[in-house]
mmCIF file of all heavy atoms, coordinates in Angstrom:
data_MODEL
# 
_entry.id   MODEL 
# 
loop_
_atom_site.group_PDB 
_atom_site.id 
_atom_site.type_symbol 
_atom_site.label_atom_id 
_atom_site.label_alt_id 
_atom_site.label_comp_id 
_atom_site.label_asym_id 
_atom_site.label_entity_id 
_atom_site.label_seq_id 
_atom_site.pdbx_PDB_ins_code 
_atom_site.Cartn_x 
_atom_site.Cartn_y 
_atom_site.Cartn_z 
_atom_site.occupancy 
_atom_site.B_iso_or_equiv 
_atom_site.pdbx_formal_charge 
_atom_site.auth_seq_id 
_atom_site.auth_comp_id 
_atom_site.auth_asym_id 
_atom_site.auth_atom_id 
_atom_site.pdbx_PDB_model_num 
ATOM 1   N N   . CYS A 1 1  ? 0.822  -1.222 0.000   1.00 0.00 ? 1  CYS A N   1 
ATOM 2   C CA  . CYS A 1 1  ? 0.000  0.000  0.000   1.00 0.00 ? 1  CYS A CA  1 
ATOM 3   C C   . CYS A 1 1  ? 0.849  1.262  0.000   1.00 0.00 ? 1  CYS A C   1 
ATOM 4   O O   . CYS A 1 1  ? 0.466  2.280  0.599   1.00 0.00 ? 1  CYS A O   1 
ATOM 5   C CB  . CYS A 1 1  ? -0.981 0.008  1.170   1.00 0.00 ? 1  CYS A CB  1 
ATOM 6   S SG  . CYS A 1 1  ? -2.112 -1.380 1.136   1.00 0.00 ? 1  CYS A SG  1 
ATOM 7   N N   . GLY A 1 2  ? 1.999  1.191  -0.652  1.00 0.00 ? 2  GLY A N   1 
ATOM 8   C CA  . GLY A 1 2  ? 2.854  2.362  -0.796  1.00 0.00 ? 2  GLY A CA  1 
ATOM 9   C C   . GLY A 1 2  ? 2.441  3.163  -2.010  1.00 0.00 ? 2  GLY A C   1 
ATOM 10  O O   . GLY A 1 2  ? 1.431  2.861  -2.660  1.00 0.00 ? 2  GLY A O   1 
ATOM 11  N N   . ARG A 1 3  ? 3.229  4.158  -2.307  1.00 0.00 ? 3  ARG A N   1 
ATOM 12  C CA  . ARG A 1 3  ? 2.922  4.938  -3.503  1.00 0.00 ? 3  ARG A CA  1 
ATOM 13  C C   . ARG A 1 3  ? 4.191  5.190  -4.302  1.00 0.00 ? 3  ARG A C   1 
ATOM 14  O O   . ARG A 1 3  ? 5.285  5.286  -3.751  1.00 0.00 ? 3  ARG A O   1 
ATOM 15  C CB  . ARG A 1 3  ? 2.196  6.232  -3.165  1.00 0.00 ? 3  ARG A CB  1 
ATOM 16  C CG  . ARG A 1 3  ? 2.970  7.219  -2.378  1.00 0.00 ? 3  ARG A CG  1 
ATOM 17  C CD  . ARG A 1 3  ? 2.076  8.407  -1.976  1.00 0.00 ? 3  ARG A CD  1 
ATOM 18  N NE  . ARG A 1 3  ? 2.885  9.421  -1.363  1.00 0.00 ? 3  ARG A NE  1 
ATOM 19  C CZ  . ARG A 1 3  ? 3.132  10.606 -1.887  1.00 0.00 ? 3  ARG A CZ  1 
ATOM 20  N NH1 . ARG A 1 3  ? 2.586  10.950 -3.025  1.00 0.00 ? 3  ARG A NH1 1 
ATOM 21  N NH2 . ARG A 1 3  ? 3.902  11.468 -1.267  1.00 0.00 ? 3  ARG A NH2 1 
ATOM 22  N N   . VAL A 1 4  ? 4.002  5.281  -5.601  1.00 0.00 ? 4  VAL A N   1 
ATOM 23  C CA  . VAL A 1 4  ? 5.102  5.508  -6.526  1.00 0.00 ? 4  VAL A CA  1 
ATOM 24  C C   . VAL A 1 4  ? 5.388  7.000  -6.585  1.00 0.00 ? 4  VAL A C   1 
ATOM 25  O O   . VAL A 1 4  ? 4.467  7.822  -6.631  1.00 0.00 ? 4  VAL A O   1 
ATOM 26  C CB  . VAL A 1 4  ? 4.751  4.960  -7.927  1.00 0.00 ? 4  VAL A CB  1 
ATOM 27  C CG1 . VAL A 1 4  ? 5.862  5.267  -8.920  1.00 0.00 ? 4  VAL A CG1 1 
ATOM 28  C CG2 . VAL A 1 4  ? 4.492  3.450  -7.849  1.00 0.00 ? 4  VAL A CG2 1 
ATOM 29  N N   . LEU A 1 5  ? 6.666  7.351  -6.574  1.00 0.00 ? 5  LEU A N   1 
ATOM 30  C CA  . LEU A 1 5  ? 7.094  8.745  -6.652  1.00 0.00 ? 5  LEU A CA  1 
ATOM 31  C C   . LEU A 1 5  ? 7.882  8.946  -7.945  1.00 0.00 ? 5  LEU A C   1 
ATOM 32  O O   . LEU A 1 5  ? 8.036  8.012  -8.733  1.00 0.00 ? 5  LEU A O   1 
ATOM 33  C CB  . LEU A 1 5  ? 7.957  9.093  -5.435  1.00 0.00 ? 5  LEU A CB  1 
ATOM 34  C CG  . LEU A 1 5  ? 7.297  8.884  -4.064  1.00 0.00 ? 5  LEU A CG  1 
ATOM 35  C CD1 . LEU A 1 5  ? 8.301  9.123  -2.953  1.00 0.00 ? 5  LEU A CD1 1 
ATOM 36  C CD2 . LEU A 1 5  ? 6.084  9.783  -3.900  1.00 0.00 ? 5  LEU A CD2 1 
ATOM 37  N N   . GLU A 1 6  ? 8.399  10.128 -8.148  1.00 0.00 ? 6  GLU A N   1 
ATOM 38  C CA  . GLU A 1 6  ? 9.095  10.418 -9.400  1.00 0.00 ? 6  GLU A CA  1 
ATOM 39  C C   . GLU A 1 6  ? 10.521 10.923 -9.192  1.00 0.00 ? 6  GLU A C   1 
ATOM 40  O O   . GLU A 1 6  ? 10.986 11.782 -9.924  1.00 0.00 ? 6  GLU A O   1 
ATOM 41  C CB  . GLU A 1 6  ? 8.282  11.418 -10.217 1.00 0.00 ? 6  GLU A CB  1 
ATOM 42  C CG  . GLU A 1 6  ? 6.931  10.839 -10.601 1.00 0.00 ? 6  GLU A CG  1 
ATOM 43  C CD  . GLU A 1 6  ? 6.257  11.573 -11.726 1.00 0.00 ? 6  GLU A CD  1 
ATOM 44  O OE1 . GLU A 1 6  ? 6.923  12.358 -12.422 1.00 0.00 ? 6  GLU A OE1 1 
ATOM 45  O OE2 . GLU A 1 6  ? 5.059  11.345 -11.894 1.00 0.00 ? 6  GLU A OE2 1 
ATOM 46  N N   . TYR A 1 7  ? 11.225 10.352 -8.232  1.00 0.00 ? 7  TYR A N   1 
ATOM 47  C CA  . TYR A 1 7  ? 12.623 10.691 -8.011  1.00 0.00 ? 7  TYR A CA  1 
ATOM 48  C C   . TYR A 1 7  ? 13.500 9.620  -8.654  1.00 0.00 ? 7  TYR A C   1 
ATOM 49  O O   . TYR A 1 7  ? 13.096 8.461  -8.754  1.00 0.00 ? 7  TYR A O   1 
ATOM 50  C CB  . TYR A 1 7  ? 12.963 10.758 -6.519  1.00 0.00 ? 7  TYR A CB  1 
ATOM 51  C CG  . TYR A 1 7  ? 12.148 11.734 -5.718  1.00 0.00 ? 7  TYR A CG  1 
ATOM 52  C CD1 . TYR A 1 7  ? 11.269 11.278 -4.736  1.00 0.00 ? 7  TYR A CD1 1 
ATOM 53  C CD2 . TYR A 1 7  ? 12.252 13.094 -5.922  1.00 0.00 ? 7  TYR A CD2 1 
ATOM 54  C CE1 . TYR A 1 7  ? 10.528 12.159 -3.969  1.00 0.00 ? 7  TYR A CE1 1 
ATOM 55  C CE2 . TYR A 1 7  ? 11.508 13.996 -5.162  1.00 0.00 ? 7  TYR A CE2 1 
ATOM 56  C CZ  . TYR A 1 7  ? 10.653 13.523 -4.193  1.00 0.00 ? 7  TYR A CZ  1 
ATOM 57  O OH  . TYR A 1 7  ? 9.921  14.400 -3.447  1.00 0.00 ? 7  TYR A OH  1 
ATOM 58  N N   . GLY A 1 8  ? 14.710 9.967  -9.038  1.00 0.00 ? 8  GLY A N   1 
ATOM 59  C CA  . GLY A 1 8  ? 15.656 8.999  -9.573  1.00 0.00 ? 8  GLY A CA  1 
ATOM 60  C C   . GLY A 1 8  ? 15.092 8.232  -10.749 1.00 0.00 ? 8  GLY A C   1 
ATOM 61  O O   . GLY A 1 8  ? 14.228 8.715  -11.478 1.00 0.00 ? 8  GLY A O   1 
ATOM 62  N N   . ASP A 1 9  ? 15.577 7.004  -10.925 1.00 0.00 ? 9  ASP A N   1 
ATOM 63  C CA  . ASP A 1 9  ? 15.051 6.140  -11.983 1.00 0.00 ? 9  ASP A CA  1 
ATOM 64  C C   . ASP A 1 9  ? 13.771 5.447  -11.543 1.00 0.00 ? 9  ASP A C   1 
ATOM 65  O O   . ASP A 1 9  ? 12.930 5.088  -12.360 1.00 0.00 ? 9  ASP A O   1 
ATOM 66  C CB  . ASP A 1 9  ? 16.093 5.085  -12.378 1.00 0.00 ? 9  ASP A CB  1 
ATOM 67  C CG  . ASP A 1 9  ? 17.301 5.703  -13.064 1.00 0.00 ? 9  ASP A CG  1 
ATOM 68  O OD1 . ASP A 1 9  ? 17.132 6.709  -13.786 1.00 0.00 ? 9  ASP A OD1 1 
ATOM 69  O OD2 . ASP A 1 9  ? 18.416 5.185  -12.875 1.00 0.00 ? 9  ASP A OD2 1 
ATOM 70  N N   . CYS A 1 10 ? 13.638 5.237  -10.249 1.00 0.00 ? 10 CYS A N   1 
ATOM 71  C CA  . CYS A 1 10 ? 12.459 4.582  -9.685  1.00 0.00 ? 10 CYS A CA  1 
ATOM 72  C C   . CYS A 1 10 ? 12.414 4.957  -8.201  1.00 0.00 ? 10 CYS A C   1 
ATOM 73  O O   . CYS A 1 10 ? 13.435 4.897  -7.520  1.00 0.00 ? 10 CYS A O   1 
ATOM 74  C CB  . CYS A 1 10 ? 12.591 3.068  -9.852  1.00 0.00 ? 10 CYS A CB  1 
ATOM 75  S SG  . CYS A 1 10 ? 11.159 2.129  -9.306  1.00 0.00 ? 10 CYS A SG  1 
ATOM 76  N N   . SER A 1 11 ? 11.260 5.346  -7.712  1.00 0.00 ? 11 SER A N   1 
ATOM 77  C CA  . SER A 1 11 ? 11.164 5.701  -6.298  1.00 0.00 ? 11 SER A CA  1 
ATOM 78  C C   . SER A 1 11 ? 9.766  5.419  -5.764  1.00 0.00 ? 11 SER A C   1 
ATOM 79  O O   . SER A 1 11 ? 8.784  5.477  -6.503  1.00 0.00 ? 11 SER A O   1 
ATOM 80  C CB  . SER A 1 11 ? 11.534 7.166  -6.065  1.00 0.00 ? 11 SER A CB  1 
ATOM 81  O OG  . SER A 1 11 ? 10.707 8.016  -6.819  1.00 0.00 ? 11 SER A OG  1 
ATOM 82  N N   . VAL A 1 12 ? 9.732  5.106  -4.475  1.00 0.00 ? 12 VAL A N   1 
ATOM 83  C CA  . VAL A 1 12 ? 8.473  4.778  -3.812  1.00 0.00 ? 12 VAL A CA  1 
ATOM 84  C C   . VAL A 1 12 ? 8.492  5.300  -2.381  1.00 0.00 ? 12 VAL A C   1 
ATOM 85  O O   . VAL A 1 12 ? 9.549  5.584  -1.823  1.00 0.00 ? 12 VAL A O   1 
ATOM 86  C CB  . VAL A 1 12 ? 8.217  3.249  -3.795  1.00 0.00 ? 12 VAL A CB  1 
ATOM 87  C CG1 . VAL A 1 12 ? 8.113  2.695  -5.214  1.00 0.00 ? 12 VAL A CG1 1 
ATOM 88  C CG2 . VAL A 1 12 ? 9.265  2.507  -2.999  1.00 0.00 ? 12 VAL A CG2 1 
ATOM 89  N N   . GLU A 1 13 ? 7.300  5.393  -1.825  1.00 0.00 ? 13 GLU A N   1 
ATOM 90  C CA  . GLU A 1 13 ? 7.157  5.747  -0.416  1.00 0.00 ? 13 GLU A CA  1 
ATOM 91  C C   . GLU A 1 13 ? 6.381  4.621  0.257   1.00 0.00 ? 13 GLU A C   1 
ATOM 92  O O   . GLU A 1 13 ? 5.315  4.224  -0.217  1.00 0.00 ? 13 GLU A O   1 
ATOM 93  C CB  . GLU A 1 13 ? 6.400  7.064  -0.271  1.00 0.00 ? 13 GLU A CB  1 
ATOM 94  C CG  . GLU A 1 13 ? 6.199  7.492  1.166   1.00 0.00 ? 13 GLU A CG  1 
ATOM 95  C CD  . GLU A 1 13 ? 5.370  8.759  1.257   1.00 0.00 ? 13 GLU A CD  1 
ATOM 96  O OE1 . GLU A 1 13 ? 4.132  8.643  1.332   1.00 0.00 ? 13 GLU A OE1 1 
ATOM 97  O OE2 . GLU A 1 13 ? 5.974  9.844  1.241   1.00 0.00 ? 13 GLU A OE2 1 
ATOM 98  N N   . ILE A 1 14 ? 6.939  4.126  1.348   1.00 0.00 ? 14 ILE A N   1 
ATOM 99  C CA  . ILE A 1 14 ? 6.327  3.048  2.128   1.00 0.00 ? 14 ILE A CA  1 
ATOM 100 C C   . ILE A 1 14 ? 6.245  3.521  3.570   1.00 0.00 ? 14 ILE A C   1 
ATOM 101 O O   . ILE A 1 14 ? 7.223  4.047  4.111   1.00 0.00 ? 14 ILE A O   1 
ATOM 102 C CB  . ILE A 1 14 ? 7.196  1.764  2.104   1.00 0.00 ? 14 ILE A CB  1 
ATOM 103 C CG1 . ILE A 1 14 ? 7.530  1.336  0.696   1.00 0.00 ? 14 ILE A CG1 1 
ATOM 104 C CG2 . ILE A 1 14 ? 6.549  0.652  2.907   1.00 0.00 ? 14 ILE A CG2 1 
ATOM 105 C CD1 . ILE A 1 14 ? 6.475  0.605  -0.038  1.00 0.00 ? 14 ILE A CD1 1 
ATOM 106 N N   . ASP A 1 15 ? 5.110  3.321  4.212   1.00 0.00 ? 15 ASP A N   1 
ATOM 107 C CA  . ASP A 1 15 ? 5.014  3.635  5.638   1.00 0.00 ? 15 ASP A CA  1 
ATOM 108 C C   . ASP A 1 15 ? 5.660  2.515  6.440   1.00 0.00 ? 15 ASP A C   1 
ATOM 109 O O   . ASP A 1 15 ? 5.217  1.360  6.388   1.00 0.00 ? 15 ASP A O   1 
ATOM 110 C CB  . ASP A 1 15 ? 3.556  3.775  6.072   1.00 0.00 ? 15 ASP A CB  1 
ATOM 111 C CG  . ASP A 1 15 ? 2.960  5.118  5.714   1.00 0.00 ? 15 ASP A CG  1 
ATOM 112 O OD1 . ASP A 1 15 ? 3.725  6.085  5.533   1.00 0.00 ? 15 ASP A OD1 1 
ATOM 113 O OD2 . ASP A 1 15 ? 1.723  5.206  5.621   1.00 0.00 ? 15 ASP A OD2 1 
ATOM 114 N N   . ALA A 1 16 ? 6.735  2.849  7.152   1.00 0.00 ? 16 ALA A N   1 
ATOM 115 C CA  . ALA A 1 16 ? 7.348  1.889  8.069   1.00 0.00 ? 16 ALA A CA  1 
ATOM 116 C C   . ALA A 1 16 ? 6.383  1.658  9.227   1.00 0.00 ? 16 ALA A C   1 
ATOM 117 O O   . ALA A 1 16 ? 6.119  0.530  9.627   1.00 0.00 ? 16 ALA A O   1 
ATOM 118 C CB  . ALA A 1 16 ? 8.687  2.393  8.578   1.00 0.00 ? 16 ALA A CB  1 
ATOM 119 N N   . LEU A 1 17 ? 5.869  2.726  9.746   1.00 0.00 ? 17 LEU A N   1 
ATOM 120 C CA  . LEU A 1 17 ? 4.784  2.765  10.724  1.00 0.00 ? 17 LEU A CA  1 
ATOM 121 C C   . LEU A 1 17 ? 3.922  3.960  10.334  1.00 0.00 ? 17 LEU A C   1 
ATOM 122 O O   . LEU A 1 17 ? 4.403  4.872  9.650   1.00 0.00 ? 17 LEU A O   1 
ATOM 123 C CB  . LEU A 1 17 ? 5.315  2.949  12.150  1.00 0.00 ? 17 LEU A CB  1 
ATOM 124 C CG  . LEU A 1 17 ? 6.113  1.795  12.750  1.00 0.00 ? 17 LEU A CG  1 
ATOM 125 C CD1 . LEU A 1 17 ? 6.793  2.233  14.045  1.00 0.00 ? 17 LEU A CD1 1 
ATOM 126 C CD2 . LEU A 1 17 ? 5.215  0.593  13.006  1.00 0.00 ? 17 LEU A CD2 1 
ATOM 127 N N   . LEU A 1 18 ? 2.693  3.973  10.762  1.00 0.00 ? 18 LEU A N   1 
ATOM 128 C CA  . LEU A 1 18 ? 1.808  5.082  10.430  1.00 0.00 ? 18 LEU A CA  1 
ATOM 129 C C   . LEU A 1 18 ? 2.451  6.399  10.856  1.00 0.00 ? 18 LEU A C   1 
ATOM 130 O O   . LEU A 1 18 ? 2.837  6.565  12.013  1.00 0.00 ? 18 LEU A O   1 
ATOM 131 C CB  . LEU A 1 18 ? 0.451  4.910  11.117  1.00 0.00 ? 18 LEU A CB  1 
ATOM 132 C CG  . LEU A 1 18 ? -0.612 5.929  10.756  1.00 0.00 ? 18 LEU A CG  1 
ATOM 133 C CD1 . LEU A 1 18 ? -0.932 5.863  9.261   1.00 0.00 ? 18 LEU A CD1 1 
ATOM 134 C CD2 . LEU A 1 18 ? -1.863 5.700  11.566  1.00 0.00 ? 18 LEU A CD2 1 
ATOM 135 N N   . GLY A 1 19 ? 2.626  7.304  9.917   1.00 0.00 ? 19 GLY A N   1 
ATOM 136 C CA  . GLY A 1 19 ? 3.246  8.592  10.211  1.00 0.00 ? 19 GLY A CA  1 
ATOM 137 C C   . GLY A 1 19 ? 4.755  8.610  10.018  1.00 0.00 ? 19 GLY A C   1 
ATOM 138 O O   . GLY A 1 19 ? 5.383  9.652  10.167  1.00 0.00 ? 19 GLY A O   1 
ATOM 139 N N   . ILE A 1 20 ? 5.338  7.456  9.697   1.00 0.00 ? 20 ILE A N   1 
ATOM 140 C CA  . ILE A 1 20 ? 6.774  7.387  9.446   1.00 0.00 ? 20 ILE A CA  1 
ATOM 141 C C   . ILE A 1 20 ? 6.996  6.800  8.050   1.00 0.00 ? 20 ILE A C   1 
ATOM 142 O O   . ILE A 1 20 ? 7.288  5.607  7.892   1.00 0.00 ? 20 ILE A O   1 
ATOM 143 C CB  . ILE A 1 20 ? 7.525  6.549  10.505  1.00 0.00 ? 20 ILE A CB  1 
ATOM 144 C CG1 . ILE A 1 20 ? 7.230  7.067  11.910  1.00 0.00 ? 20 ILE A CG1 1 
ATOM 145 C CG2 . ILE A 1 20 ? 9.035  6.590  10.243  1.00 0.00 ? 20 ILE A CG2 1 
ATOM 146 C CD1 . ILE A 1 20 ? 7.910  6.298  13.026  1.00 0.00 ? 20 ILE A CD1 1 
ATOM 147 N N   . PRO A 1 21 ? 6.832  7.647  7.031   1.00 0.00 ? 21 PRO A N   1 
ATOM 148 C CA  . PRO A 1 21 ? 7.047  7.159  5.670   1.00 0.00 ? 21 PRO A CA  1 
ATOM 149 C C   . PRO A 1 21 ? 8.537  7.122  5.333   1.00 0.00 ? 21 PRO A C   1 
ATOM 150 O O   . PRO A 1 21 ? 9.299  7.980  5.763   1.00 0.00 ? 21 PRO A O   1 
ATOM 151 C CB  . PRO A 1 21 ? 6.330  8.204  4.809   1.00 0.00 ? 21 PRO A CB  1 
ATOM 152 C CG  . PRO A 1 21 ? 6.436  9.465  5.609   1.00 0.00 ? 21 PRO A CG  1 
ATOM 153 C CD  . PRO A 1 21 ? 6.378  9.033  7.056   1.00 0.00 ? 21 PRO A CD  1 
ATOM 154 N N   . LEU A 1 22 ? 8.924  6.117  4.579   1.00 0.00 ? 22 LEU A N   1 
ATOM 155 C CA  . LEU A 1 22 ? 10.289 6.016  4.069   1.00 0.00 ? 22 LEU A CA  1 
ATOM 156 C C   . LEU A 1 22 ? 10.226 6.202  2.562   1.00 0.00 ? 22 LEU A C   1 
ATOM 157 O O   . LEU A 1 22 ? 9.392  5.603  1.892   1.00 0.00 ? 22 LEU A O   1 
ATOM 158 C CB  . LEU A 1 22 ? 10.891 4.648  4.373   1.00 0.00 ? 22 LEU A CB  1 
ATOM 159 C CG  . LEU A 1 22 ? 10.978 4.230  5.829   1.00 0.00 ? 22 LEU A CG  1 
ATOM 160 C CD1 . LEU A 1 22 ? 11.618 2.857  5.943   1.00 0.00 ? 22 LEU A CD1 1 
ATOM 161 C CD2 . LEU A 1 22 ? 11.748 5.245  6.636   1.00 0.00 ? 22 LEU A CD2 1 
ATOM 162 N N   . THR A 1 23 ? 11.114 7.026  2.048   1.00 0.00 ? 23 THR A N   1 
ATOM 163 C CA  . THR A 1 23 ? 11.206 7.240  0.610   1.00 0.00 ? 23 THR A CA  1 
ATOM 164 C C   . THR A 1 23 ? 12.441 6.515  0.106   1.00 0.00 ? 23 THR A C   1 
ATOM 165 O O   . THR A 1 23 ? 13.558 6.812  0.535   1.00 0.00 ? 23 THR A O   1 
ATOM 166 C CB  . THR A 1 23 ? 11.289 8.745  0.281   1.00 0.00 ? 23 THR A CB  1 
ATOM 167 O OG1 . THR A 1 23 ? 10.088 9.372  0.754   1.00 0.00 ? 23 THR A OG1 1 
ATOM 168 C CG2 . THR A 1 23 ? 11.440 8.973  -1.210  1.00 0.00 ? 23 THR A CG2 1 
ATOM 169 N N   . PHE A 1 24 ? 12.220 5.556  -0.772  1.00 0.00 ? 24 PHE A N   1 
ATOM 170 C CA  . PHE A 1 24 ? 13.294 4.768  -1.380  1.00 0.00 ? 24 PHE A CA  1 
ATOM 171 C C   . PHE A 1 24 ? 13.500 5.270  -2.799  1.00 0.00 ? 24 PHE A C   1 
ATOM 172 O O   . PHE A 1 24 ? 12.560 5.253  -3.600  1.00 0.00 ? 24 PHE A O   1 
ATOM 173 C CB  . PHE A 1 24 ? 12.926 3.285  -1.418  1.00 0.00 ? 24 PHE A CB  1 
ATOM 174 C CG  . PHE A 1 24 ? 12.846 2.636  -0.073  1.00 0.00 ? 24 PHE A CG  1 
ATOM 175 C CD1 . PHE A 1 24 ? 11.662 2.638  0.645   1.00 0.00 ? 24 PHE A CD1 1 
ATOM 176 C CD2 . PHE A 1 24 ? 13.956 2.013  0.479   1.00 0.00 ? 24 PHE A CD2 1 
ATOM 177 C CE1 . PHE A 1 24 ? 11.576 2.021  1.885   1.00 0.00 ? 24 PHE A CE1 1 
ATOM 178 C CE2 . PHE A 1 24 ? 13.885 1.396  1.712   1.00 0.00 ? 24 PHE A CE2 1 
ATOM 179 C CZ  . PHE A 1 24 ? 12.696 1.406  2.422   1.00 0.00 ? 24 PHE A CZ  1 
ATOM 180 N N   . ILE A 1 25 ? 14.707 5.708  -3.103  1.00 0.00 ? 25 ILE A N   1 
ATOM 181 C CA  . ILE A 1 25 ? 15.026 6.214  -4.445  1.00 0.00 ? 25 ILE A CA  1 
ATOM 182 C C   . ILE A 1 25 ? 16.124 5.327  -5.021  1.00 0.00 ? 25 ILE A C   1 
ATOM 183 O O   . ILE A 1 25 ? 17.156 5.105  -4.384  1.00 0.00 ? 25 ILE A O   1 
ATOM 184 C CB  . ILE A 1 25 ? 15.516 7.669  -4.403  1.00 0.00 ? 25 ILE A CB  1 
ATOM 185 C CG1 . ILE A 1 25 ? 14.489 8.560  -3.695  1.00 0.00 ? 25 ILE A CG1 1 
ATOM 186 C CG2 . ILE A 1 25 ? 15.803 8.183  -5.817  1.00 0.00 ? 25 ILE A CG2 1 
ATOM 187 C CD1 . ILE A 1 25 ? 14.972 9.968  -3.396  1.00 0.00 ? 25 ILE A CD1 1 
ATOM 188 N N   . LEU A 1 26 ? 15.894 4.839  -6.234  1.00 0.00 ? 26 LEU A N   1 
ATOM 189 C CA  . LEU A 1 26 ? 16.822 3.920  -6.883  1.00 0.00 ? 26 LEU A CA  1 
ATOM 190 C C   . LEU A 1 26 ? 17.331 4.528  -8.182  1.00 0.00 ? 26 LEU A C   1 
ATOM 191 O O   . LEU A 1 26 ? 16.557 5.070  -8.970  1.00 0.00 ? 26 LEU A O   1 
ATOM 192 C CB  . LEU A 1 26 ? 16.095 2.598  -7.177  1.00 0.00 ? 26 LEU A CB  1 
ATOM 193 C CG  . LEU A 1 26 ? 16.888 1.485  -7.841  1.00 0.00 ? 26 LEU A CG  1 
ATOM 194 C CD1 . LEU A 1 26 ? 18.019 1.000  -6.935  1.00 0.00 ? 26 LEU A CD1 1 
ATOM 195 C CD2 . LEU A 1 26 ? 15.946 0.327  -8.179  1.00 0.00 ? 26 LEU A CD2 1 
ATOM 196 N N   . TRP A 1 27 ? 18.645 4.440  -8.378  1.00 0.00 ? 27 TRP A N   1 
ATOM 197 C CA  . TRP A 1 27 ? 19.275 4.795  -9.646  1.00 0.00 ? 27 TRP A CA  1 
ATOM 198 C C   . TRP A 1 27 ? 19.872 3.515  -10.203 1.00 0.00 ? 27 TRP A C   1 
ATOM 199 O O   . TRP A 1 27 ? 20.683 2.863  -9.539  1.00 0.00 ? 27 TRP A O   1 
ATOM 200 C CB  . TRP A 1 27 ? 20.352 5.853  -9.461  1.00 0.00 ? 27 TRP A CB  1 
ATOM 201 C CG  . TRP A 1 27 ? 19.806 7.189  -9.116  1.00 0.00 ? 27 TRP A CG  1 
ATOM 202 C CD1 . TRP A 1 27 ? 19.378 8.153  -9.977  1.00 0.00 ? 27 TRP A CD1 1 
ATOM 203 C CD2 . TRP A 1 27 ? 19.623 7.724  -7.800  1.00 0.00 ? 27 TRP A CD2 1 
ATOM 204 N NE1 . TRP A 1 27 ? 18.939 9.252  -9.277  1.00 0.00 ? 27 TRP A NE1 1 
ATOM 205 C CE2 . TRP A 1 27 ? 19.083 9.007  -7.931  1.00 0.00 ? 27 TRP A CE2 1 
ATOM 206 C CE3 . TRP A 1 27 ? 19.854 7.228  -6.512  1.00 0.00 ? 27 TRP A CE3 1 
ATOM 207 C CZ2 . TRP A 1 27 ? 18.775 9.814  -6.844  1.00 0.00 ? 27 TRP A CZ2 1 
ATOM 208 C CZ3 . TRP A 1 27 ? 19.551 8.026  -5.431  1.00 0.00 ? 27 TRP A CZ3 1 
ATOM 209 C CH2 . TRP A 1 27 ? 19.015 9.308  -5.607  1.00 0.00 ? 27 TRP A CH2 1 
ATOM 210 N N   . VAL A 1 28 ? 19.461 3.161  -11.395 1.00 0.00 ? 28 VAL A N   1 
ATOM 211 C CA  . VAL A 1 28 ? 19.910 1.923  -12.020 1.00 0.00 ? 28 VAL A CA  1 
ATOM 212 C C   . VAL A 1 28 ? 21.142 2.213  -12.866 1.00 0.00 ? 28 VAL A C   1 
ATOM 213 O O   . VAL A 1 28 ? 21.182 3.194  -13.602 1.00 0.00 ? 28 VAL A O   1 
ATOM 214 C CB  . VAL A 1 28 ? 18.788 1.327  -12.896 1.00 0.00 ? 28 VAL A CB  1 
ATOM 215 C CG1 . VAL A 1 28 ? 19.234 0.028  -13.524 1.00 0.00 ? 28 VAL A CG1 1 
ATOM 216 C CG2 . VAL A 1 28 ? 17.531 1.126  -12.067 1.00 0.00 ? 28 VAL A CG2 1 
# 
């Protein structure tokens, strides 16, 4: 239930806990 973002080559936001989102940015 995360969401796709538009950073880097691929990026997403996942809630580690409610109110603590982590943004993962990947460069391939």
